[in-house]
Amino acid sequence: MKAFHLLGAAPLYTNSFVLISDAGHAVVIDPAAEVQEYDKIFKENNATLTTILCTHGHYDHVGSAGVLSREWKARIYCEPADCRGSQLFPLKSADSGYAEGEKAHEERYRKLLKNIDEKLVFSKDGECIWICRNCGHIVVGKDAPEVCPICGHPKSFFELKAENY
């Protein structure tokens, strides 16, 4: 797995990430850098963009999503309101802590990458509660199942149950 961090200049601090699997599948998180920057990374690493993840709809997080999706036939995942474009507005004064938030994004994605490298995304040391994000089926165990026994969705649809409300 390879990871790339594309950091834009102030005041936008565009924080975009590219993850490339050993098999050459690329994921772009918050694609707002110039399309040519992504294309260069894909070419240099013999990678194919398959997935685009948008954490929210500010234009500095989704600016290149449409072009990349059309160019690479990549699937975009985002909240419905963001996909409709209703959240694509310039930064407001309410976003004054933006740079700090972007630093938190980077830390979270680096932890995720570490979990991917150590094969800990779907396997934990002790008993855990895993929930299928498609049908809500609950499994208790060390590992998420390869396939949901209820709806048939793959392991990637499982997440740890969180009670942080």
Protein backbone atom coordinates (compact mmCIF):
# COMPACT_ATOMS: atom_id res chain seq x y z
CA MET A 1 0.00 0.00 0.00
CA LYS A 2 1.24 3.46 -0.92
CA ALA A 3 -0.12 6.74 0.41
CA PHE A 4 0.23 10.26 -0.99
CA HIS A 5 -0.81 13.52 0.67
CA LEU A 6 -1.52 16.45 -1.63
CA LEU A 7 -1.54 19.62 0.46
CA GLY A 8 -2.70 22.86 -1.15
CA ALA A 9 -1.66 26.38 -0.37
CA ALA A 10 -3.34 28.75 2.10
CA PRO A 11 -6.05 29.84 2.56
CA LEU A 12 -7.72 26.64 1.33
CA TYR A 13 -5.29 24.06 2.70
CA THR A 14 -6.72 21.51 0.31
CA ASN A 15 -6.02 18.18 1.92
CA SER A 16 -6.35 15.34 -0.53
CA PHE A 17 -5.07 11.80 -0.13
CA VAL A 18 -4.34 9.04 -2.62
CA LEU A 19 -4.09 5.44 -1.45
CA ILE A 20 -2.80 2.83 -3.91
CA SER A 21 -3.12 -0.85 -3.10
CA ASP A 22 -0.45 -3.41 -3.95
CA ALA A 23 -2.78 -4.54 -6.76
CA GLY A 24 -2.72 -1.04 -8.29
CA HIS A 25 -6.21 0.11 -7.29
CA ALA A 26 -6.29 3.78 -6.33
CA VAL A 27 -8.62 5.59 -3.94
CA VAL A 28 -8.74 9.40 -3.82
CA ILE A 29 -10.03 11.05 -0.65
CA ASP A 30 -11.31 14.63 -1.01
CA PRO A 31 -10.20 15.25 -4.62
CA ALA A 32 -9.59 18.97 -4.98
CA ALA A 33 -6.05 19.15 -6.36
CA GLU A 34 -5.49 19.63 -10.09
CA VAL A 35 -6.51 16.55 -12.08
CA GLN A 36 -3.02 16.40 -13.62
CA GLU A 37 -1.50 15.86 -10.16
CA TYR A 38 -3.61 12.74 -9.65
CA ASP A 39 -3.00 11.49 -13.19
CA LYS A 40 0.77 11.85 -12.65
CA ILE A 41 0.63 9.80 -9.43
CA PHE A 42 -1.49 7.09 -11.10
CA LYS A 43 0.85 6.90 -14.11
CA GLU A 44 4.05 6.82 -12.01
CA ASN A 45 2.61 4.01 -9.87
CA ASN A 46 0.86 2.05 -12.65
CA ALA A 47 -2.43 2.53 -10.80
CA THR A 48 -6.08 2.74 -11.82
CA LEU A 49 -8.46 5.04 -9.99
CA THR A 50 -11.47 2.99 -8.86
CA THR A 51 -12.94 4.93 -5.94
CA ILE A 52 -13.41 8.56 -4.89
CA LEU A 53 -14.41 9.39 -1.29
CA CYS A 54 -15.67 12.89 -0.43
CA THR A 55 -15.82 13.62 3.30
CA HIS A 56 -17.97 16.71 2.74
CA GLY A 57 -19.07 19.00 -0.05
CA HIS A 58 -16.93 22.12 0.25
CA TYR A 59 -15.54 22.93 -3.16
CA ASP A 60 -12.00 22.54 -1.85
CA HIS A 61 -12.77 18.88 -1.10
CA VAL A 62 -14.67 17.90 -4.23
CA GLY A 63 -13.36 20.19 -6.97
CA SER A 64 -11.86 17.43 -9.11
CA ALA A 65 -14.32 14.64 -8.27
CA GLY A 66 -16.46 14.95 -11.38
CA VAL A 67 -13.59 15.12 -13.86
CA LEU A 68 -11.72 12.24 -12.21
CA SER A 69 -14.86 10.10 -12.06
CA ARG A 70 -15.60 10.64 -15.76
CA GLU A 71 -11.97 10.19 -16.84
CA TRP A 72 -11.36 6.98 -14.87
CA LYS A 73 -14.95 5.66 -14.60
CA ALA A 74 -14.40 5.73 -10.83
CA ARG A 75 -17.25 5.43 -8.34
CA ILE A 76 -17.87 8.45 -6.08
CA TYR A 77 -19.01 8.00 -2.47
CA CYS A 78 -20.40 11.03 -0.66
CA GLU A 79 -23.38 12.24 1.30
CA PRO A 80 -26.50 12.79 -0.84
CA ALA A 81 -26.60 16.55 -0.16
CA ASP A 82 -22.97 16.85 -1.24
CA CYS A 83 -23.60 14.88 -4.43
CA ARG A 84 -26.53 17.19 -5.28
CA GLY A 85 -24.18 20.14 -5.02
CA SER A 86 -26.20 21.92 -2.35
CA GLN A 87 -23.19 21.99 0.00
CA LEU A 88 -20.68 23.21 -2.60
CA PHE A 89 -20.18 26.70 -1.23
CA PRO A 90 -17.10 28.80 -0.49
CA LEU A 91 -15.63 28.68 2.97
CA LYS A 92 -17.47 30.79 5.52
CA SER A 93 -16.29 32.39 8.73
CA ALA A 94 -17.69 29.34 10.52
CA ASP A 95 -14.83 27.38 8.94
CA SER A 96 -12.15 29.42 10.72
CA GLY A 97 -10.72 26.30 12.35
CA TYR A 98 -10.32 24.71 8.95
CA ALA A 99 -6.55 24.07 9.04
CA GLU A 100 -6.83 22.35 12.42
CA GLY A 101 -9.63 20.16 11.08
CA GLU A 102 -7.54 19.19 8.09
CA LYS A 103 -4.69 18.18 10.40
CA ALA A 104 -7.14 15.92 12.25
CA HIS A 105 -8.21 14.42 8.90
CA GLU A 106 -4.59 13.64 8.09
CA GLU A 107 -4.01 11.97 11.47
CA ARG A 108 -7.17 9.87 11.07
CA TYR A 109 -6.22 8.71 7.56
CA ARG A 110 -2.67 7.88 8.63
CA LYS A 111 -4.10 5.71 11.46
CA LEU A 112 -6.38 4.03 8.93
CA LEU A 113 -3.45 3.38 6.61
CA LYS A 114 -1.50 1.86 9.52
CA ASN A 115 -4.48 -0.40 10.31
CA ILE A 116 -4.63 -1.42 6.64
CA ASP A 117 -0.89 -2.20 6.56
CA GLU A 118 -1.14 -4.24 9.77
CA LYS A 119 -4.34 -5.97 8.59
CA LEU A 120 -6.27 -4.65 11.59
CA VAL A 121 -9.23 -3.04 9.82
CA PHE A 122 -11.43 -6.14 10.05
CA SER A 123 -9.61 -8.04 12.80
CA LYS A 124 -9.09 -6.97 16.42
CA ASP A 125 -7.38 -8.51 19.45
CA GLY A 126 -10.50 -9.18 21.50
CA GLU A 127 -14.20 -9.75 21.05
CA CYS A 128 -15.85 -6.92 19.12
CA ILE A 129 -19.28 -6.09 17.82
CA TRP A 130 -19.31 -5.81 14.01
CA ILE A 131 -22.28 -4.27 12.19
CA CYS A 132 -23.10 -4.67 8.49
CA ARG A 133 -23.63 -1.17 7.09
CA ASN A 134 -26.03 -2.56 4.50
CA CYS A 135 -28.56 -4.56 6.54
CA GLY A 136 -27.57 -3.90 10.18
CA HIS A 137 -26.73 -7.54 10.95
CA ILE A 138 -24.60 -7.83 14.11
CA VAL A 139 -21.73 -10.28 14.54
CA VAL A 140 -19.71 -10.68 17.75
CA GLY A 141 -16.15 -11.89 17.36
CA LYS A 142 -12.51 -11.04 16.76
CA ASP A 143 -12.96 -10.74 12.98
CA ALA A 144 -15.63 -9.38 10.69
CA PRO A 145 -17.10 -12.16 8.51
CA GLU A 146 -15.93 -12.51 4.91
CA VAL A 147 -19.56 -12.14 3.75
CA CYS A 148 -22.65 -10.97 5.62
CA PRO A 149 -24.78 -14.08 6.23
CA ILE A 150 -27.97 -12.03 5.90
CA CYS A 151 -27.52 -9.78 2.86
CA GLY A 152 -24.42 -11.26 1.21
CA HIS A 153 -22.41 -8.03 1.21
CA PRO A 154 -18.61 -8.43 1.56
CA LYS A 155 -16.47 -7.84 4.62
CA SER A 156 -15.85 -4.25 3.56
CA PHE A 157 -19.44 -3.41 4.57
CA PHE A 158 -18.74 -4.23 8.23
CA GLU A 159 -17.69 -1.68 10.81
CA LEU A 160 -17.11 -1.73 14.53
CA LYS A 161 -20.11 -0.75 16.61
CA ALA A 162 -19.51 2.70 18.05
CA GLU A 163 -21.43 4.16 20.94
CA ASN A 164 -19.93 7.61 21.03
CA TYR A 165 -23.18 9.55 21.33
